[in-house]
Every structure is written in structure tokens, then in C-alpha cells.
């Protein structure tokens, strides 16, 4: 792994199909997308779930807003989802593995991560988004 790559792993106590739905449907993404302290209104999310389709989110917080604009490069339901962010060149691949016991292992591999997103603070913020997803899945199960 190179210096500009990050890998995040999390086991979620939810079936893979539910995790997939939460990662690909705007009404679900709005409940957890973005670090703690940021909200992502459903009307600020675009998901065109196909290779070449748009993936956009608008995160809003006390210190301003951040728009993520990406293009899906791979969509293999319910196991793999990839996109590239043209502005930074960052490429994200999320792999969902059914563990057979009603839980799902999620591995998020990011390549060409901008330096600002590799700081300990930015990495900790990213993990709070996974915390929010885990809590949301707990409410749905």
C-alpha cells in the first residue's frame, strides 16, 4: 500500500443486502453520510447507480458545506461499489462480504487520497461516518 492509500474495515451487524441499500439509496445515505457534526440532506444526494453514473453528496455543518462529486466506475450489487472523484483523482472501492451470520464485513479502499484527507483528524472524522452507519443499521435491525 502506498502513502496516498487508506483502508478502513468494519464488521456491521446487518445483512449485506441492507448495508448495500444504505450505501446506494439517497433516503438511506441521508441518515449517516459524512462525519459527525455534518448533515447530508436527501435533496443534496444524487445516485445514478451504474458505471458512468453520477454520485454526489452535499454535506452541511456549522463550519460550512462540502460537495463530493464522483462518477461510479463499478457497481456489482450487493458486493462492490467503486467511484472516482474527478476533482482530486481519489478512487474509492467499497467491498461488502456476507459473513454468513447476518453480519457484513465492509472494506473501504481509497487510492490517490489528497494529503488533507490523510491527516489524523480527517481520518478520525471519516471513521465517525462509519460509526453513524453502524448506529443507523442498529436502529433498522
N, C-alpha and C. Protein backbone atom coordinates (compact mmCIF):
# COMPACT_ATOMS: atom_id res chain seq x y z
N UNK A 1 0.84 -1.18 0.00
CA UNK A 1 0.00 0.00 0.00
C UNK A 1 0.89 1.24 0.00
N UNK A 2 0.51 2.25 -0.78
CA UNK A 2 1.32 3.46 -0.89
C UNK A 2 0.87 4.51 0.13
N UNK A 3 1.64 5.60 0.23
CA UNK A 3 1.35 6.65 1.21
C UNK A 3 0.02 7.35 0.97
N UNK A 4 -0.47 7.31 -0.28
CA UNK A 4 -1.72 8.02 -0.57
C UNK A 4 -2.92 7.07 -0.63
N UNK A 5 -2.82 5.94 0.10
CA UNK A 5 -3.92 4.98 0.18
C UNK A 5 -4.38 4.83 1.63
N UNK A 6 -5.69 4.64 1.79
CA UNK A 6 -6.26 4.35 3.10
C UNK A 6 -7.18 3.15 2.97
N UNK A 7 -7.21 2.31 4.00
CA UNK A 7 -8.13 1.18 4.03
C UNK A 7 -8.84 1.21 5.38
N UNK A 8 -10.16 1.17 5.32
CA UNK A 8 -11.00 1.15 6.51
C UNK A 8 -11.78 -0.16 6.50
N UNK A 9 -11.80 -0.84 7.65
CA UNK A 9 -12.54 -2.10 7.77
C UNK A 9 -13.51 -1.99 8.93
N UNK A 10 -14.70 -2.55 8.73
CA UNK A 10 -15.70 -2.55 9.81
C UNK A 10 -16.62 -3.74 9.60
N UNK A 11 -16.92 -4.46 10.68
CA UNK A 11 -17.93 -5.51 10.63
C UNK A 11 -19.22 -4.90 11.16
N UNK A 12 -20.26 -4.97 10.35
CA UNK A 12 -21.56 -4.40 10.70
C UNK A 12 -22.53 -5.53 10.98
N UNK A 13 -23.31 -5.39 12.03
CA UNK A 13 -24.30 -6.42 12.40
C UNK A 13 -25.58 -6.18 11.61
N UNK A 14 -25.50 -6.44 10.33
CA UNK A 14 -26.64 -6.27 9.42
C UNK A 14 -26.38 -7.11 8.18
N UNK A 15 -27.44 -7.61 7.56
CA UNK A 15 -27.25 -8.39 6.33
C UNK A 15 -26.69 -7.53 5.20
N UNK A 16 -25.93 -8.17 4.32
CA UNK A 16 -25.27 -7.45 3.23
C UNK A 16 -26.25 -6.67 2.38
N UNK A 17 -27.43 -7.21 2.08
CA UNK A 17 -28.40 -6.51 1.23
C UNK A 17 -28.85 -5.20 1.87
N UNK A 18 -28.98 -5.18 3.21
CA UNK A 18 -29.37 -3.95 3.90
C UNK A 18 -28.23 -2.92 3.88
N UNK A 19 -27.02 -3.39 4.10
CA UNK A 19 -25.86 -2.48 4.03
C UNK A 19 -25.77 -1.88 2.63
N UNK A 20 -25.93 -2.70 1.60
CA UNK A 20 -25.90 -2.22 0.21
C UNK A 20 -26.97 -1.14 0.00
N UNK A 21 -28.18 -1.41 0.45
CA UNK A 21 -29.27 -0.45 0.30
C UNK A 21 -28.90 0.88 0.97
N UNK A 22 -28.32 0.81 2.16
CA UNK A 22 -27.95 2.03 2.88
C UNK A 22 -26.85 2.81 2.16
N UNK A 23 -25.97 2.11 1.46
CA UNK A 23 -24.88 2.77 0.75
C UNK A 23 -25.26 3.29 -0.64
N UNK A 24 -26.45 2.91 -1.12
CA UNK A 24 -26.78 3.25 -2.51
C UNK A 24 -28.10 4.00 -2.69
N UNK A 25 -28.88 4.18 -1.65
CA UNK A 25 -30.16 4.88 -1.79
C UNK A 25 -30.12 6.21 -1.05
N UNK A 26 -30.44 7.32 -1.75
CA UNK A 26 -30.36 8.64 -1.12
C UNK A 26 -31.10 8.76 0.21
N UNK A 27 -32.29 8.20 0.32
CA UNK A 27 -33.07 8.30 1.55
C UNK A 27 -32.35 7.62 2.72
N UNK A 28 -31.54 6.62 2.42
CA UNK A 28 -30.76 5.93 3.45
C UNK A 28 -29.45 6.68 3.74
N UNK A 29 -28.75 7.09 2.68
CA UNK A 29 -27.49 7.82 2.84
C UNK A 29 -27.65 9.06 3.70
N UNK A 30 -28.79 9.73 3.59
CA UNK A 30 -29.03 10.98 4.33
C UNK A 30 -28.97 10.77 5.84
N UNK A 31 -29.13 9.55 6.32
CA UNK A 31 -29.12 9.28 7.76
C UNK A 31 -27.72 9.21 8.35
N UNK A 32 -26.68 8.99 7.53
CA UNK A 32 -25.36 8.78 8.13
C UNK A 32 -24.19 9.36 7.33
N UNK A 33 -24.40 9.77 6.08
CA UNK A 33 -23.27 10.17 5.23
C UNK A 33 -22.57 11.39 5.81
N UNK A 34 -21.27 11.32 5.88
CA UNK A 34 -20.46 12.44 6.35
C UNK A 34 -20.05 12.27 7.80
N UNK A 35 -19.00 12.99 8.20
CA UNK A 35 -18.50 12.86 9.57
C UNK A 35 -19.49 13.43 10.58
N UNK A 36 -19.32 13.04 11.84
CA UNK A 36 -20.16 13.56 12.91
C UNK A 36 -20.09 15.09 12.88
N UNK A 37 -21.23 15.72 13.06
CA UNK A 37 -21.30 17.19 13.00
C UNK A 37 -21.72 17.71 11.64
N UNK A 38 -21.78 16.82 10.66
CA UNK A 38 -22.23 17.20 9.32
C UNK A 38 -23.52 16.45 9.00
N UNK A 39 -24.43 17.14 8.33
CA UNK A 39 -25.66 16.52 7.85
C UNK A 39 -25.62 16.50 6.33
N UNK A 40 -26.28 15.51 5.75
CA UNK A 40 -26.36 15.39 4.30
C UNK A 40 -27.84 15.26 3.94
N UNK A 41 -28.47 16.41 3.60
CA UNK A 41 -29.90 16.37 3.27
C UNK A 41 -30.16 15.52 2.03
N UNK A 42 -31.27 14.78 2.06
CA UNK A 42 -31.58 13.86 0.96
C UNK A 42 -31.66 14.61 -0.38
N UNK A 43 -32.11 15.87 -0.37
CA UNK A 43 -32.20 16.61 -1.63
C UNK A 43 -30.84 17.06 -2.15
N UNK A 44 -29.76 16.80 -1.37
CA UNK A 44 -28.41 17.10 -1.83
C UNK A 44 -27.65 15.86 -2.27
N UNK A 45 -28.38 14.76 -2.48
CA UNK A 45 -27.75 13.49 -2.85
C UNK A 45 -28.25 13.04 -4.22
N UNK A 46 -27.32 12.70 -5.09
CA UNK A 46 -27.65 12.14 -6.41
C UNK A 46 -26.94 10.79 -6.52
N UNK A 47 -27.70 9.74 -6.82
CA UNK A 47 -27.13 8.41 -7.02
C UNK A 47 -27.68 7.86 -8.33
N UNK A 48 -26.84 7.81 -9.34
CA UNK A 48 -27.18 7.16 -10.62
C UNK A 48 -26.39 5.86 -10.63
N UNK A 49 -26.99 4.81 -10.07
CA UNK A 49 -26.30 3.58 -9.73
C UNK A 49 -26.00 2.71 -10.95
N UNK A 50 -24.96 3.11 -11.68
CA UNK A 50 -24.48 2.37 -12.85
C UNK A 50 -23.09 2.90 -13.19
N UNK A 51 -22.25 2.09 -13.80
CA UNK A 51 -20.95 2.61 -14.23
C UNK A 51 -21.16 3.83 -15.13
N UNK A 52 -20.45 4.91 -14.85
CA UNK A 52 -20.61 6.16 -15.59
C UNK A 52 -21.65 7.08 -14.98
N UNK A 53 -22.42 6.58 -13.99
CA UNK A 53 -23.46 7.38 -13.34
C UNK A 53 -22.86 8.34 -12.31
N UNK A 54 -23.61 9.39 -11.99
CA UNK A 54 -23.17 10.38 -11.02
C UNK A 54 -23.43 9.92 -9.59
N UNK A 55 -22.53 10.33 -8.70
CA UNK A 55 -22.71 10.16 -7.27
C UNK A 55 -22.29 11.47 -6.63
N UNK A 56 -23.25 12.19 -6.08
CA UNK A 56 -22.97 13.48 -5.48
C UNK A 56 -23.64 13.57 -4.11
N UNK A 57 -22.91 14.19 -3.18
CA UNK A 57 -23.48 14.45 -1.86
C UNK A 57 -23.11 15.87 -1.45
N UNK A 58 -24.01 16.51 -0.71
CA UNK A 58 -23.76 17.84 -0.16
C UNK A 58 -23.84 17.71 1.35
N UNK A 59 -22.69 17.82 2.01
CA UNK A 59 -22.63 17.75 3.46
C UNK A 59 -22.63 19.17 4.01
N UNK A 60 -23.46 19.40 5.04
CA UNK A 60 -23.63 20.74 5.60
C UNK A 60 -23.36 20.68 7.10
N UNK A 61 -22.57 21.63 7.59
CA UNK A 61 -22.27 21.69 9.03
C UNK A 61 -22.11 23.11 9.49
N UNK A 62 -21.78 23.27 10.75
CA UNK A 62 -21.64 24.59 11.36
C UNK A 62 -20.53 25.41 10.70
N UNK A 63 -19.54 24.74 10.15
CA UNK A 63 -18.39 25.44 9.56
C UNK A 63 -18.45 25.49 8.04
N UNK A 64 -19.64 25.28 7.47
CA UNK A 64 -19.78 25.37 6.03
C UNK A 64 -20.28 24.07 5.42
N UNK A 65 -20.10 23.99 4.11
CA UNK A 65 -20.59 22.82 3.39
C UNK A 65 -19.48 22.26 2.50
N UNK A 66 -19.66 21.00 2.12
CA UNK A 66 -18.71 20.32 1.25
C UNK A 66 -19.49 19.45 0.28
N UNK A 67 -19.24 19.64 -1.00
CA UNK A 67 -19.89 18.81 -2.02
C UNK A 67 -18.88 17.80 -2.55
N UNK A 68 -19.29 16.53 -2.51
CA UNK A 68 -18.50 15.46 -3.09
C UNK A 68 -19.15 15.12 -4.43
N UNK A 69 -18.36 15.17 -5.49
CA UNK A 69 -18.84 14.86 -6.83
C UNK A 69 -17.99 13.71 -7.36
N UNK A 70 -18.66 12.63 -7.77
CA UNK A 70 -17.94 11.45 -8.24
C UNK A 70 -18.70 10.79 -9.38
N UNK A 71 -18.01 9.86 -10.03
CA UNK A 71 -18.60 9.05 -11.09
C UNK A 71 -18.39 7.58 -10.72
N UNK A 72 -19.48 6.82 -10.75
CA UNK A 72 -19.35 5.39 -10.46
C UNK A 72 -18.51 4.72 -11.56
N UNK A 73 -17.58 3.88 -11.14
CA UNK A 73 -16.77 3.12 -12.09
C UNK A 73 -17.12 1.64 -12.08
N UNK A 74 -17.71 1.18 -10.96
CA UNK A 74 -18.09 -0.22 -10.86
C UNK A 74 -19.27 -0.35 -9.90
N UNK A 75 -20.28 -1.10 -10.32
CA UNK A 75 -21.45 -1.37 -9.49
C UNK A 75 -21.77 -2.85 -9.62
N UNK A 76 -21.47 -3.62 -8.58
CA UNK A 76 -21.73 -5.06 -8.57
C UNK A 76 -22.56 -5.34 -7.31
N UNK A 77 -23.88 -5.25 -7.44
CA UNK A 77 -24.76 -5.43 -6.28
C UNK A 77 -24.77 -6.89 -5.86
N UNK A 78 -24.76 -7.16 -4.57
CA UNK A 78 -24.58 -6.26 -3.42
C UNK A 78 -23.17 -6.34 -2.85
N UNK A 79 -22.16 -6.52 -3.71
CA UNK A 79 -20.84 -6.80 -3.16
C UNK A 79 -19.76 -5.75 -3.37
N UNK A 80 -19.85 -4.92 -4.42
CA UNK A 80 -18.76 -3.97 -4.67
C UNK A 80 -19.28 -2.71 -5.34
N UNK A 81 -18.76 -1.58 -4.87
CA UNK A 81 -19.17 -0.27 -5.37
C UNK A 81 -17.91 0.60 -5.45
N UNK A 82 -17.65 1.15 -6.63
CA UNK A 82 -16.46 1.99 -6.81
C UNK A 82 -16.83 3.29 -7.48
N UNK A 83 -16.09 4.35 -7.10
CA UNK A 83 -16.27 5.63 -7.78
C UNK A 83 -14.96 6.40 -7.76
N UNK A 84 -14.87 7.36 -8.66
CA UNK A 84 -13.71 8.26 -8.73
C UNK A 84 -14.23 9.69 -8.61
N UNK A 85 -13.47 10.50 -7.88
CA UNK A 85 -13.79 11.91 -7.75
C UNK A 85 -12.86 12.68 -8.69
N UNK A 86 -13.41 13.19 -9.81
CA UNK A 86 -12.57 13.83 -10.82
C UNK A 86 -11.74 15.00 -10.30
N UNK A 87 -12.25 15.77 -9.36
CA UNK A 87 -11.53 16.96 -8.88
C UNK A 87 -10.21 16.60 -8.21
N UNK A 88 -10.20 15.48 -7.46
CA UNK A 88 -8.99 15.10 -6.73
C UNK A 88 -8.30 13.87 -7.32
N UNK A 89 -9.03 13.09 -8.11
CA UNK A 89 -8.49 11.83 -8.62
C UNK A 89 -8.61 10.69 -7.62
N UNK A 90 -9.24 10.96 -6.46
CA UNK A 90 -9.38 9.91 -5.45
C UNK A 90 -10.34 8.84 -5.95
N UNK A 91 -9.97 7.59 -5.73
CA UNK A 91 -10.76 6.44 -6.16
C UNK A 91 -11.14 5.64 -4.92
N UNK A 92 -12.43 5.39 -4.73
CA UNK A 92 -12.93 4.67 -3.57
C UNK A 92 -13.61 3.38 -4.02
N UNK A 93 -13.25 2.26 -3.38
CA UNK A 93 -13.92 0.98 -3.62
C UNK A 93 -14.39 0.44 -2.30
N UNK A 94 -15.69 0.17 -2.21
CA UNK A 94 -16.27 -0.45 -1.02
C UNK A 94 -16.64 -1.88 -1.37
N UNK A 95 -16.14 -2.82 -0.58
CA UNK A 95 -16.43 -4.24 -0.77
C UNK A 95 -17.22 -4.73 0.43
N UNK A 96 -18.33 -5.42 0.16
CA UNK A 96 -19.20 -5.94 1.21
C UNK A 96 -19.15 -7.46 1.16
N UNK A 97 -18.75 -8.07 2.28
CA UNK A 97 -18.66 -9.52 2.36
C UNK A 97 -19.69 -10.04 3.36
N UNK A 98 -20.55 -10.92 2.87
CA UNK A 98 -21.54 -11.58 3.73
C UNK A 98 -20.80 -12.59 4.60
N UNK A 99 -20.85 -12.40 5.93
CA UNK A 99 -20.13 -13.29 6.83
C UNK A 99 -20.93 -14.52 7.21
N UNK A 100 -22.17 -14.62 6.72
CA UNK A 100 -22.96 -15.83 6.92
C UNK A 100 -23.70 -15.89 8.24
N UNK A 101 -23.52 -14.90 9.08
CA UNK A 101 -24.19 -14.90 10.39
C UNK A 101 -25.09 -13.68 10.56
N UNK A 102 -25.49 -13.09 9.43
CA UNK A 102 -26.32 -11.89 9.49
C UNK A 102 -25.51 -10.62 9.60
N UNK A 103 -24.19 -10.73 9.54
CA UNK A 103 -23.35 -9.54 9.58
C UNK A 103 -22.56 -9.41 8.28
N UNK A 104 -22.02 -8.22 8.08
CA UNK A 104 -21.33 -7.89 6.83
C UNK A 104 -20.00 -7.22 7.14
N UNK A 105 -18.94 -7.70 6.51
CA UNK A 105 -17.64 -7.03 6.60
C UNK A 105 -17.56 -6.01 5.47
N UNK A 106 -17.28 -4.78 5.83
CA UNK A 106 -17.14 -3.71 4.84
C UNK A 106 -15.68 -3.29 4.81
N UNK A 107 -15.10 -3.27 3.61
CA UNK A 107 -13.73 -2.78 3.43
C UNK A 107 -13.80 -1.63 2.44
N UNK A 108 -13.34 -0.47 2.88
CA UNK A 108 -13.32 0.72 2.02
C UNK A 108 -11.86 1.03 1.71
N UNK A 109 -11.51 0.91 0.43
CA UNK A 109 -10.13 1.14 -0.02
C UNK A 109 -10.13 2.43 -0.85
N UNK A 110 -9.37 3.40 -0.38
CA UNK A 110 -9.26 4.68 -1.09
C UNK A 110 -7.84 4.85 -1.61
N UNK A 111 -7.74 5.20 -2.89
CA UNK A 111 -6.45 5.43 -3.53
C UNK A 111 -6.37 6.87 -4.00
N UNK A 112 -5.16 7.40 -4.08
CA UNK A 112 -4.92 8.79 -4.51
C UNK A 112 -5.65 9.76 -3.57
N UNK A 113 -5.55 9.48 -2.27
CA UNK A 113 -6.22 10.30 -1.25
C UNK A 113 -5.45 11.60 -1.09
N UNK A 114 -6.13 12.75 -1.25
CA UNK A 114 -5.44 14.04 -1.07
C UNK A 114 -4.83 14.14 0.34
N UNK A 115 -3.71 14.83 0.44
CA UNK A 115 -2.99 14.92 1.71
C UNK A 115 -3.88 15.42 2.85
N UNK A 116 -4.74 16.39 2.59
CA UNK A 116 -5.61 16.94 3.63
C UNK A 116 -6.56 15.89 4.20
N UNK A 117 -6.87 14.87 3.41
CA UNK A 117 -7.79 13.83 3.86
C UNK A 117 -7.06 12.66 4.53
N UNK A 118 -5.71 12.77 4.61
CA UNK A 118 -4.92 11.72 5.24
C UNK A 118 -4.45 12.11 6.64
N UNK A 119 -4.80 13.31 7.09
CA UNK A 119 -4.38 13.73 8.44
C UNK A 119 -5.10 12.88 9.48
N UNK A 120 -4.53 12.78 10.67
CA UNK A 120 -5.22 12.01 11.73
C UNK A 120 -6.63 12.55 12.01
N UNK A 121 -6.81 13.86 11.97
CA UNK A 121 -8.13 14.45 12.22
C UNK A 121 -9.12 14.06 11.13
N UNK A 122 -8.70 14.12 9.87
CA UNK A 122 -9.59 13.77 8.76
C UNK A 122 -9.93 12.28 8.80
N UNK A 123 -8.95 11.45 9.13
CA UNK A 123 -9.20 10.01 9.21
C UNK A 123 -10.17 9.69 10.35
N UNK A 124 -10.00 10.37 11.49
CA UNK A 124 -10.91 10.18 12.62
C UNK A 124 -12.33 10.63 12.23
N UNK A 125 -12.44 11.71 11.48
CA UNK A 125 -13.74 12.19 11.02
C UNK A 125 -14.41 11.18 10.11
N UNK A 126 -13.63 10.58 9.22
CA UNK A 126 -14.18 9.57 8.32
C UNK A 126 -14.74 8.39 9.13
N UNK A 127 -14.02 7.99 10.16
CA UNK A 127 -14.47 6.86 10.97
C UNK A 127 -15.78 7.17 11.69
N UNK A 128 -16.04 8.45 12.01
CA UNK A 128 -17.32 8.78 12.65
C UNK A 128 -18.48 8.55 11.69
N UNK A 129 -18.22 8.66 10.39
CA UNK A 129 -19.27 8.35 9.40
C UNK A 129 -19.61 6.86 9.46
N UNK A 130 -18.60 6.02 9.62
CA UNK A 130 -18.86 4.58 9.78
C UNK A 130 -19.58 4.31 11.09
N UNK A 131 -19.24 5.07 12.14
CA UNK A 131 -19.96 4.94 13.41
C UNK A 131 -21.44 5.27 13.22
N UNK A 132 -21.71 6.35 12.46
CA UNK A 132 -23.09 6.76 12.20
C UNK A 132 -23.82 5.67 11.41
N UNK A 133 -23.15 5.06 10.41
CA UNK A 133 -23.77 3.98 9.64
C UNK A 133 -24.07 2.80 10.57
N UNK A 134 -23.12 2.44 11.41
CA UNK A 134 -23.33 1.31 12.32
C UNK A 134 -24.52 1.56 13.25
N UNK A 135 -24.63 2.76 13.79
CA UNK A 135 -25.74 3.10 14.67
C UNK A 135 -27.07 3.07 13.91
N UNK A 136 -27.06 3.60 12.68
CA UNK A 136 -28.28 3.61 11.88
C UNK A 136 -28.72 2.19 11.56
N UNK A 137 -27.80 1.32 11.21
CA UNK A 137 -28.14 -0.08 10.94
C UNK A 137 -28.70 -0.75 12.19
N UNK A 138 -28.19 -0.38 13.35
CA UNK A 138 -28.71 -0.92 14.61
C UNK A 138 -30.15 -0.55 14.84
N UNK A 139 -30.53 0.67 14.41
CA UNK A 139 -31.92 1.12 14.53
C UNK A 139 -32.83 0.35 13.57
N UNK A 140 -32.30 -0.05 12.41
CA UNK A 140 -33.11 -0.70 11.38
C UNK A 140 -33.25 -2.21 11.62
N UNK A 141 -32.33 -2.79 12.36
CA UNK A 141 -32.34 -4.26 12.56
C UNK A 141 -33.29 -4.68 13.65
